[in-house]
């Protein structure tokens, strides 16, 4: 996993993310570790949402932050979003490469609740 400011250099330190199915394949577990003190390590659990056919991500990190994101995965595009003002709305859009080995995405936030700004770019690369 690589992250950095929009159009800028990658932030220092390494980062790793692992995805694995929980036994029974009803939930997908995402775990990440980042070698940068100001960036949190964490875990997310992805599964069905309340509406038929919907998805949801439950996010927890090493700062004690927990959030719930609505989610879609369609036509090679992964979207996450939360409209909660606590502390601000957020959204992510990531696009899968044709070979499925890379997801190139961007997190955005609306600190004032309505005007969206780029938070950071995020790239996942399959290794091994």
N, C-alpha and C. Protein backbone atom coordinates (compact mmCIF):
# COMPACT_ATOMS: atom_id res chain seq x y z
N UNK A 1 0.85 -1.16 0.00
CA UNK A 1 0.00 0.00 0.00
C UNK A 1 0.90 1.23 0.00
N UNK A 2 0.55 2.21 -0.82
CA UNK A 2 1.29 3.46 -0.91
C UNK A 2 0.30 4.60 -0.78
N UNK A 3 0.70 5.66 -0.08
CA UNK A 3 -0.16 6.82 0.08
C UNK A 3 0.67 8.08 0.02
N UNK A 4 0.01 9.19 -0.31
CA UNK A 4 0.69 10.47 -0.36
C UNK A 4 -0.27 11.57 -0.73
N UNK A 5 0.22 12.81 -0.66
CA UNK A 5 -0.63 13.93 -1.05
C UNK A 5 -0.92 13.89 -2.54
N UNK A 6 -2.02 14.49 -2.98
CA UNK A 6 -2.37 14.44 -4.41
C UNK A 6 -1.26 15.00 -5.28
N UNK A 7 -0.80 14.17 -6.21
CA UNK A 7 0.23 14.58 -7.15
C UNK A 7 1.61 14.72 -6.55
N UNK A 8 1.75 14.40 -5.26
CA UNK A 8 3.04 14.55 -4.59
C UNK A 8 3.73 13.22 -4.39
N UNK A 9 4.90 13.26 -3.73
CA UNK A 9 5.64 12.02 -3.49
C UNK A 9 4.96 11.14 -2.45
N UNK A 10 5.23 9.88 -2.53
CA UNK A 10 4.69 8.92 -1.57
C UNK A 10 5.21 9.28 -0.18
N UNK A 11 4.34 9.13 0.84
CA UNK A 11 4.78 9.38 2.21
C UNK A 11 5.82 8.34 2.60
N UNK A 12 6.76 8.72 3.50
CA UNK A 12 7.83 7.79 3.87
C UNK A 12 7.33 6.62 4.69
N UNK A 13 8.14 5.58 4.73
CA UNK A 13 7.79 4.38 5.50
C UNK A 13 7.03 3.39 4.65
N UNK A 14 7.07 2.17 5.07
CA UNK A 14 6.35 1.12 4.36
C UNK A 14 4.94 0.97 4.89
N UNK A 15 4.15 0.25 4.14
CA UNK A 15 2.78 -0.04 4.55
C UNK A 15 2.37 -1.37 3.93
N UNK A 16 1.59 -2.11 4.67
CA UNK A 16 1.12 -3.39 4.17
C UNK A 16 -0.36 -3.55 4.52
N UNK A 17 -1.09 -4.13 3.59
CA UNK A 17 -2.49 -4.45 3.83
C UNK A 17 -2.71 -5.89 3.42
N UNK A 18 -3.52 -6.60 4.19
CA UNK A 18 -3.87 -7.98 3.88
C UNK A 18 -5.38 -8.10 3.86
N UNK A 19 -5.89 -8.82 2.89
CA UNK A 19 -7.31 -9.14 2.80
C UNK A 19 -7.45 -10.65 2.95
N UNK A 20 -8.42 -11.07 3.74
CA UNK A 20 -8.68 -12.50 3.88
C UNK A 20 -10.16 -12.71 4.22
N UNK A 21 -10.68 -13.82 3.74
CA UNK A 21 -12.06 -14.17 4.05
C UNK A 21 -12.14 -14.74 5.45
N UNK A 22 -13.13 -14.32 6.21
CA UNK A 22 -13.45 -14.97 7.47
C UNK A 22 -14.02 -16.34 7.13
N UNK A 23 -13.75 -17.32 7.96
CA UNK A 23 -14.26 -18.66 7.69
C UNK A 23 -15.75 -18.59 7.35
N UNK A 24 -16.15 -19.26 6.29
CA UNK A 24 -17.52 -19.22 5.80
C UNK A 24 -17.73 -18.20 4.69
N UNK A 25 -16.76 -17.33 4.49
CA UNK A 25 -16.75 -16.34 3.41
C UNK A 25 -17.92 -15.34 3.44
N UNK A 26 -18.51 -15.13 4.62
CA UNK A 26 -19.58 -14.13 4.72
C UNK A 26 -19.02 -12.73 4.92
N UNK A 27 -17.78 -12.64 5.44
CA UNK A 27 -17.15 -11.35 5.70
C UNK A 27 -15.73 -11.36 5.17
N UNK A 28 -15.29 -10.21 4.65
CA UNK A 28 -13.92 -10.03 4.20
C UNK A 28 -13.22 -9.15 5.24
N UNK A 29 -12.07 -9.60 5.70
CA UNK A 29 -11.30 -8.88 6.71
C UNK A 29 -10.14 -8.16 6.02
N UNK A 30 -9.99 -6.88 6.29
CA UNK A 30 -8.87 -6.08 5.79
C UNK A 30 -8.06 -5.61 7.00
N UNK A 31 -6.76 -5.91 7.01
CA UNK A 31 -5.86 -5.47 8.09
C UNK A 31 -4.73 -4.67 7.46
N UNK A 32 -4.34 -3.56 8.10
CA UNK A 32 -3.23 -2.78 7.57
C UNK A 32 -2.32 -2.31 8.70
N UNK A 33 -1.04 -2.17 8.32
CA UNK A 33 -0.01 -1.65 9.22
C UNK A 33 0.82 -0.65 8.42
N UNK A 34 1.09 0.51 9.04
CA UNK A 34 1.78 1.59 8.36
C UNK A 34 2.96 2.03 9.21
N UNK A 35 4.14 2.12 8.59
CA UNK A 35 5.36 2.52 9.29
C UNK A 35 5.50 4.04 9.31
N UNK A 36 4.47 4.71 9.80
CA UNK A 36 4.49 6.16 9.91
C UNK A 36 3.67 6.50 11.15
N UNK A 37 4.29 7.06 12.20
CA UNK A 37 3.60 7.24 13.48
C UNK A 37 2.26 7.97 13.41
N UNK A 38 2.13 8.94 12.52
CA UNK A 38 0.88 9.70 12.46
C UNK A 38 -0.23 9.01 11.68
N UNK A 39 0.07 7.88 11.06
CA UNK A 39 -0.94 7.12 10.31
C UNK A 39 -1.33 5.88 11.12
N UNK A 40 -2.61 5.65 11.32
CA UNK A 40 -3.02 4.54 12.17
C UNK A 40 -2.98 3.18 11.48
N UNK A 41 -2.67 2.15 12.27
CA UNK A 41 -2.88 0.77 11.84
C UNK A 41 -4.35 0.46 12.07
N UNK A 42 -4.86 -0.60 11.43
CA UNK A 42 -6.27 -0.87 11.66
C UNK A 42 -6.77 -2.16 11.05
N UNK A 43 -8.07 -2.33 11.21
CA UNK A 43 -8.77 -3.49 10.68
C UNK A 43 -10.15 -3.02 10.20
N UNK A 44 -10.63 -3.60 9.13
CA UNK A 44 -11.98 -3.33 8.65
C UNK A 44 -12.65 -4.66 8.33
N UNK A 45 -13.93 -4.72 8.57
CA UNK A 45 -14.73 -5.90 8.27
C UNK A 45 -15.76 -5.49 7.23
N UNK A 46 -15.75 -6.19 6.11
CA UNK A 46 -16.64 -5.88 4.99
C UNK A 46 -17.68 -6.98 4.87
N UNK A 47 -18.93 -6.59 4.77
CA UNK A 47 -20.01 -7.57 4.63
C UNK A 47 -21.26 -6.91 4.09
N UNK A 48 -22.35 -7.62 4.21
CA UNK A 48 -23.63 -7.14 3.69
C UNK A 48 -24.13 -5.95 4.49
N UNK A 49 -24.79 -5.02 3.79
CA UNK A 49 -25.44 -3.88 4.44
C UNK A 49 -26.87 -4.23 4.81
N UNK A 50 -27.62 -3.23 5.23
CA UNK A 50 -28.99 -3.45 5.66
C UNK A 50 -29.94 -3.73 4.50
N UNK A 51 -29.70 -3.12 3.35
CA UNK A 51 -30.54 -3.31 2.18
C UNK A 51 -30.04 -4.50 1.36
N UNK A 52 -30.94 -5.22 0.75
CA UNK A 52 -30.55 -6.37 -0.08
C UNK A 52 -29.57 -5.92 -1.16
N UNK A 53 -28.46 -6.62 -1.29
CA UNK A 53 -27.47 -6.33 -2.31
C UNK A 53 -26.49 -5.23 -1.95
N UNK A 54 -26.66 -4.59 -0.79
CA UNK A 54 -25.75 -3.52 -0.40
C UNK A 54 -24.58 -4.07 0.41
N UNK A 55 -23.51 -3.27 0.47
CA UNK A 55 -22.32 -3.65 1.22
C UNK A 55 -21.99 -2.56 2.23
N UNK A 56 -21.28 -2.97 3.28
CA UNK A 56 -20.90 -2.03 4.32
C UNK A 56 -19.52 -2.40 4.84
N UNK A 57 -18.73 -1.38 5.20
CA UNK A 57 -17.43 -1.62 5.82
C UNK A 57 -17.44 -1.05 7.24
N UNK A 58 -17.04 -1.88 8.20
CA UNK A 58 -16.90 -1.47 9.58
C UNK A 58 -15.41 -1.27 9.84
N UNK A 59 -15.01 -0.05 10.19
CA UNK A 59 -13.61 0.38 10.27
C UNK A 59 -13.23 0.60 11.74
N UNK A 60 -12.04 0.12 12.13
CA UNK A 60 -11.51 0.32 13.47
C UNK A 60 -10.01 0.57 13.35
N UNK A 61 -9.47 1.58 14.07
CA UNK A 61 -8.02 1.80 13.97
C UNK A 61 -7.36 1.96 15.33
N UNK A 62 -6.03 2.04 15.30
CA UNK A 62 -5.22 2.05 16.52
C UNK A 62 -5.38 3.31 17.35
N UNK A 63 -6.05 4.34 16.83
CA UNK A 63 -6.36 5.54 17.62
C UNK A 63 -7.62 5.37 18.44
N UNK A 64 -8.33 4.25 18.21
CA UNK A 64 -9.63 4.05 18.85
C UNK A 64 -10.78 4.58 18.02
N UNK A 65 -10.49 5.01 16.78
CA UNK A 65 -11.53 5.52 15.88
C UNK A 65 -12.29 4.33 15.30
N UNK A 66 -13.61 4.46 15.23
CA UNK A 66 -14.44 3.46 14.56
C UNK A 66 -15.47 4.18 13.72
N UNK A 67 -15.65 3.67 12.50
CA UNK A 67 -16.57 4.30 11.55
C UNK A 67 -17.28 3.23 10.74
N UNK A 68 -18.42 3.60 10.18
CA UNK A 68 -19.17 2.70 9.29
C UNK A 68 -19.29 3.39 7.94
N UNK A 69 -18.85 2.68 6.90
CA UNK A 69 -18.90 3.19 5.53
C UNK A 69 -19.86 2.36 4.71
N UNK A 70 -20.66 3.02 3.89
CA UNK A 70 -21.42 2.32 2.86
C UNK A 70 -20.42 1.98 1.76
N UNK A 71 -20.72 0.95 0.96
CA UNK A 71 -19.73 0.49 0.00
C UNK A 71 -20.39 -0.09 -1.24
N UNK A 72 -19.76 0.15 -2.39
CA UNK A 72 -20.13 -0.55 -3.62
C UNK A 72 -18.85 -1.06 -4.27
N UNK A 73 -19.00 -2.11 -5.03
CA UNK A 73 -17.93 -2.68 -5.84
C UNK A 73 -18.57 -3.11 -7.14
N UNK A 74 -18.33 -2.31 -8.20
CA UNK A 74 -19.03 -2.55 -9.45
C UNK A 74 -18.17 -2.09 -10.63
N UNK A 75 -18.10 -2.90 -11.66
CA UNK A 75 -17.39 -2.55 -12.90
C UNK A 75 -15.96 -2.08 -12.64
N UNK A 76 -15.28 -2.74 -11.71
CA UNK A 76 -13.89 -2.42 -11.43
C UNK A 76 -13.67 -1.16 -10.61
N UNK A 77 -14.73 -0.64 -9.99
CA UNK A 77 -14.61 0.56 -9.16
C UNK A 77 -15.11 0.24 -7.75
N UNK A 78 -14.28 0.57 -6.76
CA UNK A 78 -14.58 0.35 -5.34
C UNK A 78 -14.88 1.71 -4.72
N UNK A 79 -16.06 1.88 -4.14
CA UNK A 79 -16.43 3.14 -3.51
C UNK A 79 -16.81 2.91 -2.06
N UNK A 80 -16.32 3.79 -1.20
CA UNK A 80 -16.68 3.82 0.22
C UNK A 80 -17.10 5.25 0.54
N UNK A 81 -18.11 5.42 1.43
CA UNK A 81 -18.48 6.77 1.81
C UNK A 81 -19.22 6.74 3.14
N UNK A 82 -19.12 7.86 3.82
CA UNK A 82 -19.89 8.10 5.04
C UNK A 82 -20.28 9.56 5.05
N UNK A 83 -21.54 9.81 5.34
CA UNK A 83 -22.06 11.17 5.32
C UNK A 83 -22.09 11.81 6.70
N UNK A 84 -21.69 11.08 7.72
CA UNK A 84 -21.73 11.57 9.09
C UNK A 84 -20.86 12.81 9.26
N UNK A 85 -21.35 13.82 9.98
CA UNK A 85 -20.53 15.00 10.23
C UNK A 85 -19.50 14.80 11.35
N UNK A 86 -19.47 13.62 11.96
CA UNK A 86 -18.58 13.36 13.09
C UNK A 86 -17.38 12.54 12.65
N UNK A 87 -16.20 13.07 12.42
CA UNK A 87 -15.91 14.50 12.48
C UNK A 87 -16.19 15.22 11.16
N UNK A 88 -16.33 14.48 10.05
CA UNK A 88 -16.64 15.09 8.76
C UNK A 88 -16.98 13.97 7.77
N UNK A 89 -17.77 14.27 6.73
CA UNK A 89 -18.05 13.27 5.69
C UNK A 89 -16.76 12.89 4.95
N UNK A 90 -16.70 11.63 4.50
CA UNK A 90 -15.54 11.11 3.77
C UNK A 90 -16.02 10.24 2.63
N UNK A 91 -15.16 10.10 1.61
CA UNK A 91 -15.45 9.17 0.52
C UNK A 91 -14.14 8.73 -0.12
N UNK A 92 -14.18 7.51 -0.67
CA UNK A 92 -13.03 6.92 -1.35
C UNK A 92 -13.53 6.34 -2.66
N UNK A 93 -12.75 6.53 -3.72
CA UNK A 93 -13.01 5.87 -4.99
C UNK A 93 -11.70 5.25 -5.45
N UNK A 94 -11.73 3.95 -5.71
CA UNK A 94 -10.56 3.24 -6.20
C UNK A 94 -10.91 2.46 -7.45
N UNK A 95 -10.01 2.47 -8.42
CA UNK A 95 -10.23 1.77 -9.69
C UNK A 95 -9.24 0.62 -9.82
N UNK A 96 -9.75 -0.57 -10.13
CA UNK A 96 -8.91 -1.74 -10.32
C UNK A 96 -8.25 -1.70 -11.70
N UNK A 97 -6.98 -2.09 -11.74
CA UNK A 97 -6.30 -2.22 -13.03
C UNK A 97 -6.91 -3.39 -13.80
N UNK A 98 -6.67 -3.45 -15.11
CA UNK A 98 -7.24 -4.51 -15.93
C UNK A 98 -6.82 -5.90 -15.46
N UNK A 99 -5.59 -6.04 -14.95
CA UNK A 99 -5.13 -7.35 -14.48
C UNK A 99 -5.53 -7.63 -13.03
N UNK A 100 -6.17 -6.66 -12.35
CA UNK A 100 -6.64 -6.85 -10.98
C UNK A 100 -5.55 -6.77 -9.93
N UNK A 101 -4.34 -6.38 -10.31
CA UNK A 101 -3.22 -6.36 -9.36
C UNK A 101 -3.00 -5.01 -8.68
N UNK A 102 -3.69 -3.98 -9.13
CA UNK A 102 -3.51 -2.65 -8.56
C UNK A 102 -4.87 -1.97 -8.40
N UNK A 103 -5.04 -1.27 -7.29
CA UNK A 103 -6.19 -0.40 -7.08
C UNK A 103 -5.64 1.00 -6.87
N UNK A 104 -6.01 1.93 -7.73
CA UNK A 104 -5.56 3.31 -7.63
C UNK A 104 -6.73 4.15 -7.17
N UNK A 105 -6.55 4.83 -6.01
CA UNK A 105 -7.69 5.54 -5.46
C UNK A 105 -7.35 6.84 -4.78
N UNK A 106 -8.38 7.46 -4.26
CA UNK A 106 -8.24 8.76 -3.61
C UNK A 106 -9.30 8.89 -2.51
N UNK A 107 -8.86 9.35 -1.34
CA UNK A 107 -9.77 9.70 -0.25
C UNK A 107 -10.04 11.20 -0.31
N UNK A 108 -11.31 11.55 -0.07
CA UNK A 108 -11.72 12.95 -0.01
C UNK A 108 -12.48 13.18 1.29
N UNK A 109 -12.49 14.42 1.74
CA UNK A 109 -13.22 14.77 2.96
C UNK A 109 -13.88 16.13 2.78
N UNK A 110 -14.95 16.35 3.53
CA UNK A 110 -15.67 17.63 3.50
C UNK A 110 -15.71 18.15 4.93
N UNK A 111 -14.63 18.81 5.34
CA UNK A 111 -14.53 19.25 6.74
C UNK A 111 -15.62 20.23 7.12
N UNK A 112 -16.12 21.01 6.16
CA UNK A 112 -17.22 21.94 6.46
C UNK A 112 -18.58 21.30 6.20
N UNK A 113 -18.58 20.02 5.82
CA UNK A 113 -19.82 19.30 5.61
C UNK A 113 -20.35 19.33 4.19
N UNK A 114 -19.78 20.18 3.31
CA UNK A 114 -20.31 20.25 1.95
C UNK A 114 -19.26 20.41 0.86
N UNK A 115 -18.16 21.06 1.13
CA UNK A 115 -17.13 21.27 0.11
C UNK A 115 -16.06 20.19 0.22
N UNK A 116 -15.91 19.40 -0.86
CA UNK A 116 -15.00 18.26 -0.85
C UNK A 116 -13.59 18.67 -1.21
N UNK A 117 -12.62 18.19 -0.43
CA UNK A 117 -11.20 18.39 -0.68
C UNK A 117 -10.52 17.03 -0.73
N UNK A 118 -9.45 16.94 -1.50
CA UNK A 118 -8.67 15.70 -1.55
C UNK A 118 -7.94 15.55 -0.23
N UNK A 119 -8.06 14.39 0.38
CA UNK A 119 -7.34 14.08 1.61
C UNK A 119 -5.98 13.47 1.26
N UNK A 120 -6.01 12.34 0.53
CA UNK A 120 -4.76 11.73 0.06
C UNK A 120 -5.05 10.70 -1.01
N UNK A 121 -4.02 10.41 -1.81
CA UNK A 121 -4.09 9.35 -2.81
C UNK A 121 -3.64 8.05 -2.16
N UNK A 122 -4.21 6.94 -2.58
CA UNK A 122 -3.91 5.63 -2.00
C UNK A 122 -3.86 4.60 -3.11
N UNK A 123 -2.78 3.82 -3.14
CA UNK A 123 -2.63 2.77 -4.14
C UNK A 123 -2.35 1.45 -3.45
N UNK A 124 -3.11 0.44 -3.82
CA UNK A 124 -2.89 -0.93 -3.36
C UNK A 124 -2.21 -1.69 -4.50
N UNK A 125 -1.14 -2.42 -4.18
CA UNK A 125 -0.46 -3.26 -5.18
C UNK A 125 -0.37 -4.68 -4.64
N UNK A 126 -0.81 -5.64 -5.45
CA UNK A 126 -0.71 -7.04 -5.07
C UNK A 126 0.75 -7.47 -5.15
N UNK A 127 1.24 -8.15 -4.13
CA UNK A 127 2.61 -8.66 -4.11
C UNK A 127 2.58 -10.15 -3.78
N UNK A 128 3.65 -10.83 -4.20
CA UNK A 128 3.79 -12.25 -3.87
C UNK A 128 2.88 -13.08 -4.59
